[in-house]
Amino acid sequence: MSDFGGITNEDAEKIKAIVKAFYGAQNAERVTKGNISDKTVHYVALLLIETVDCSRWVDAVPNPKDLLMPAKSIQKWALRLIRNAGKPFVSETVEINVMCKNFRAAQFKPNIMSSLIY
């Protein structure tokens, strides 16, 4: 991720807040700046898009043209999405439909939690 600045402390805080909102404080404690991988960023971004009102976040950042784009472009896009969409998660003011949250959270939890580097 060094091609676009890497993960900042603020990015890590947002990813941790998103994980806390979906999976609880115990799982969020596993998230640290040092163990967030490229896959973590990617899966958290997918979780956001799949769960939160897409029109709200899609207007904030450009969408990748397709999933065949180079990986670095997708990672840049995913991190921009997390940076923009993560603020309400940190302040705990985000509103998510409970059905969407439960369904998408279950879908992405194994990928997000296993993508953390230990």
C-alpha atoms as a PDB file:
ATOM      1  CA  MET A   1       0.000   0.000   0.000  1.00  0.00           C
ATOM      2  CA  SER A   2       2.996   2.295   0.104  1.00  0.00           C
ATOM      3  CA  ASP A   3       2.165   3.556  -3.393  1.00  0.00           C
ATOM      4  CA  PHE A   4      -0.618   5.667  -1.914  1.00  0.00           C
ATOM      5  CA  GLY A   5       0.589   6.501   1.551  1.00  0.00           C
ATOM      6  CA  GLY A   6      -0.211   3.282   3.397  1.00  0.00           C
ATOM      7  CA  ILE A   7      -2.401   2.922   6.451  1.00  0.00           C
ATOM      8  CA  THR A   8      -2.406   5.867   8.830  1.00  0.00           C
ATOM      9  CA  ASN A   9      -3.375   5.760  12.494  1.00  0.00           C
ATOM     10  CA  GLU A  10      -6.634   7.470  11.515  1.00  0.00           C
ATOM     11  CA  ASP A  11      -7.304   4.807   8.861  1.00  0.00           C
ATOM     12  CA  ALA A  12      -6.699   2.069  11.429  1.00  0.00           C
ATOM     13  CA  GLU A  13      -9.080   3.806  13.858  1.00  0.00           C
ATOM     14  CA  LYS A  14     -11.795   3.885  11.192  1.00  0.00           C
ATOM     15  CA  ILE A  15     -11.309   0.248  10.217  1.00  0.00           C
ATOM     16  CA  LYS A  16     -11.408  -0.717  13.894  1.00  0.00           C
ATOM     17  CA  ALA A  17     -14.632   1.291  14.379  1.00  0.00           C
ATOM     18  CA  ILE A  18     -16.222  -0.380  11.357  1.00  0.00           C
ATOM     19  CA  VAL A  19     -15.248  -3.833  12.651  1.00  0.00           C
ATOM     20  CA  LYS A  20     -16.633  -2.883  16.081  1.00  0.00           C
ATOM     21  CA  ALA A  21     -19.952  -1.782  14.558  1.00  0.00           C
ATOM     22  CA  PHE A  22     -20.359  -5.082  12.730  1.00  0.00           C
ATOM     23  CA  TYR A  23     -18.621  -7.625  14.954  1.00  0.00           C
ATOM     24  CA  GLY A  24     -18.394  -6.115  18.435  1.00  0.00           C
ATOM     25  CA  ALA A  25     -15.629  -4.741  20.626  1.00  0.00           C
ATOM     26  CA  GLN A  26     -13.917  -8.097  21.150  1.00  0.00           C
ATOM     27  CA  ASN A  27     -13.259  -8.560  17.424  1.00  0.00           C
ATOM     28  CA  ALA A  28     -12.363  -4.878  17.025  1.00  0.00           C
ATOM     29  CA  GLU A  29      -9.601  -5.257  19.611  1.00  0.00           C
ATOM     30  CA  ARG A  30      -7.846  -7.577  17.157  1.00  0.00           C
ATOM     31  CA  VAL A  31      -7.508  -4.708  14.658  1.00  0.00           C
ATOM     32  CA  THR A  32      -4.283  -2.727  14.924  1.00  0.00           C
ATOM     33  CA  LYS A  33      -2.425  -0.527  12.469  1.00  0.00           C
ATOM     34  CA  GLY A  34       0.280  -3.152  12.215  1.00  0.00           C
ATOM     35  CA  ASN A  35      -1.946  -6.063  11.282  1.00  0.00           C
ATOM     36  CA  ILE A  36      -4.220  -4.471   8.683  1.00  0.00           C
ATOM     37  CA  SER A  37      -3.405  -6.091   5.342  1.00  0.00           C
ATOM     38  CA  ASP A  38      -4.325  -5.149   1.784  1.00  0.00           C
ATOM     39  CA  LYS A  39      -7.016  -7.821   2.004  1.00  0.00           C
ATOM     40  CA  THR A  40      -8.432  -6.236   5.174  1.00  0.00           C
ATOM     41  CA  VAL A  41      -8.797  -2.895   3.406  1.00  0.00           C
ATOM     42  CA  HIS A  42     -10.406  -4.589   0.407  1.00  0.00           C
ATOM     43  CA  TYR A  43     -12.903  -6.639   2.431  1.00  0.00           C
ATOM     44  CA  VAL A  44     -13.882  -3.741   4.701  1.00  0.00           C
ATOM     45  CA  ALA A  45     -14.560  -1.599   1.624  1.00  0.00           C
ATOM     46  CA  LEU A  46     -16.697  -4.361   0.120  1.00  0.00           C
ATOM     47  CA  LEU A  47     -18.563  -4.683   3.402  1.00  0.00           C
ATOM     48  CA  LEU A  48     -19.335  -0.962   3.352  1.00  0.00           C
ATOM     49  CA  ILE A  49     -20.560  -1.005  -0.205  1.00  0.00           C
ATOM     50  CA  GLU A  50     -22.679  -4.077   0.339  1.00  0.00           C
ATOM     51  CA  THR A  51     -24.214  -2.811   3.567  1.00  0.00           C
ATOM     52  CA  VAL A  52     -24.557   0.944   3.802  1.00  0.00           C
ATOM     53  CA  ASP A  53     -26.700   2.968   1.427  1.00  0.00           C
ATOM     54  CA  CYS A  54     -24.553   2.782  -1.714  1.00  0.00           C
ATOM     55  CA  SER A  55     -25.632   6.112  -3.119  1.00  0.00           C
ATOM     56  CA  ARG A  56     -24.296   7.804  -0.001  1.00  0.00           C
ATOM     57  CA  TRP A  57     -20.790   6.386  -0.407  1.00  0.00           C
ATOM     58  CA  VAL A  58     -20.581   6.031  -4.172  1.00  0.00           C
ATOM     59  CA  ASP A  59     -20.854   9.797  -4.568  1.00  0.00           C
ATOM     60  CA  ALA A  60     -17.946  10.256  -2.143  1.00  0.00           C
ATOM     61  CA  VAL A  61     -15.368   8.311  -4.137  1.00  0.00           C
ATOM     62  CA  PRO A  62     -14.966   7.088  -7.686  1.00  0.00           C
ATOM     63  CA  ASN A  63     -15.913   3.477  -8.334  1.00  0.00           C
ATOM     64  CA  PRO A  64     -13.417   1.199 -10.007  1.00  0.00           C
ATOM     65  CA  LYS A  65     -14.476   0.609 -13.612  1.00  0.00           C
ATOM     66  CA  ASP A  66     -14.448  -3.132 -13.032  1.00  0.00           C
ATOM     67  CA  LEU A  67     -12.838  -5.773 -10.877  1.00  0.00           C
ATOM     68  CA  LEU A  68     -10.211  -6.448 -13.535  1.00  0.00           C
ATOM     69  CA  MET A  69      -8.382  -3.200 -12.792  1.00  0.00           C
ATOM     70  CA  PRO A  70      -4.875  -3.477 -11.369  1.00  0.00           C
ATOM     71  CA  ALA A  71      -4.859  -4.389  -7.687  1.00  0.00           C
ATOM     72  CA  LYS A  72      -3.166  -1.128  -6.641  1.00  0.00           C
ATOM     73  CA  SER A  73      -6.005   0.903  -8.161  1.00  0.00           C
ATOM     74  CA  ILE A  74      -8.600  -1.144  -6.304  1.00  0.00           C
ATOM     75  CA  GLN A  75      -6.647  -0.780  -3.059  1.00  0.00           C
ATOM     76  CA  LYS A  76      -6.419   2.991  -3.545  1.00  0.00           C
ATOM     77  CA  TRP A  77     -10.150   3.124  -4.158  1.00  0.00           C
ATOM     78  CA  ALA A  78     -10.900   0.889  -1.132  1.00  0.00           C
ATOM     79  CA  LEU A  79      -8.804   3.023   1.207  1.00  0.00           C
ATOM     80  CA  ARG A  80     -10.428   6.248  -0.077  1.00  0.00           C
ATOM     81  CA  LEU A  81     -13.826   4.677   0.568  1.00  0.00           C
ATOM     82  CA  ILE A  82     -12.860   3.686   4.123  1.00  0.00           C
ATOM     83  CA  ARG A  83     -11.461   7.160   4.796  1.00  0.00           C
ATOM     84  CA  ASN A  84     -14.701   8.829   3.677  1.00  0.00           C
ATOM     85  CA  ALA A  85     -17.207   6.305   4.976  1.00  0.00           C
ATOM     86  CA  GLY A  86     -15.419   5.494   8.245  1.00  0.00           C
ATOM     87  CA  LYS A  87     -16.080   8.803   9.999  1.00  0.00           C
ATOM     88  CA  PRO A  88     -19.645   7.973  11.125  1.00  0.00           C
ATOM     89  CA  PHE A  89     -18.441   4.611  12.405  1.00  0.00           C
ATOM     90  CA  VAL A  90     -15.812   6.287  14.593  1.00  0.00           C
ATOM     91  CA  SER A  91     -18.411   8.690  16.001  1.00  0.00           C
ATOM     92  CA  GLU A  92     -20.946   5.825  16.199  1.00  0.00           C
ATOM     93  CA  THR A  93     -23.538   7.863  14.281  1.00  0.00           C
ATOM     94  CA  VAL A  94     -23.937   5.543  11.294  1.00  0.00           C
ATOM     95  CA  GLU A  95     -27.363   4.070  10.677  1.00  0.00           C
ATOM     96  CA  ILE A  96     -27.491   0.639   9.089  1.00  0.00           C
ATOM     97  CA  ASN A  97     -30.549  -1.457   8.364  1.00  0.00           C
ATOM     98  CA  VAL A  98     -30.404  -4.359  10.841  1.00  0.00           C
ATOM     99  CA  MET A  99     -31.260  -6.986   8.215  1.00  0.00           C
ATOM    100  CA  CYS A 100     -28.528  -5.715   5.880  1.00  0.00           C
ATOM    101  CA  LYS A 101     -26.037  -5.452   8.718  1.00  0.00           C
ATOM    102  CA  ASN A 102     -26.623  -9.001   9.930  1.00  0.00           C
ATOM    103  CA  PHE A 103     -26.575 -10.551   6.470  1.00  0.00           C
ATOM    104  CA  ARG A 104     -23.519  -8.727   5.143  1.00  0.00           C
ATOM    105  CA  ALA A 105     -21.644  -8.926   8.432  1.00  0.00           C
ATOM    106  CA  ALA A 106     -21.944 -12.706   8.406  1.00  0.00           C
ATOM    107  CA  GLN A 107     -20.862 -12.807   4.774  1.00  0.00           C
ATOM    108  CA  PHE A 108     -17.638 -10.818   5.250  1.00  0.00           C
ATOM    109  CA  LYS A 109     -16.550 -11.689   8.826  1.00  0.00           C
ATOM    110  CA  PRO A 110     -14.395 -14.720   7.972  1.00  0.00           C
ATOM    111  CA  ASN A 111     -12.557 -12.822   5.238  1.00  0.00           C
ATOM    112  CA  ILE A 112     -12.005  -9.656   7.277  1.00  0.00           C
ATOM    113  CA  MET A 113     -10.897 -11.375  10.462  1.00  0.00           C
ATOM    114  CA  SER A 114      -8.617 -13.849   8.673  1.00  0.00           C
ATOM    115  CA  SER A 115      -7.043 -11.056   6.580  1.00  0.00           C
ATOM    116  CA  LEU A 116      -5.478  -9.463   9.668  1.00  0.00           C
ATOM    117  CA  ILE A 117      -1.774 -10.210   9.846  1.00  0.00           C
ATOM    118  CA  TYR A 118      -0.512 -11.851  13.032  1.00  0.00           C
END
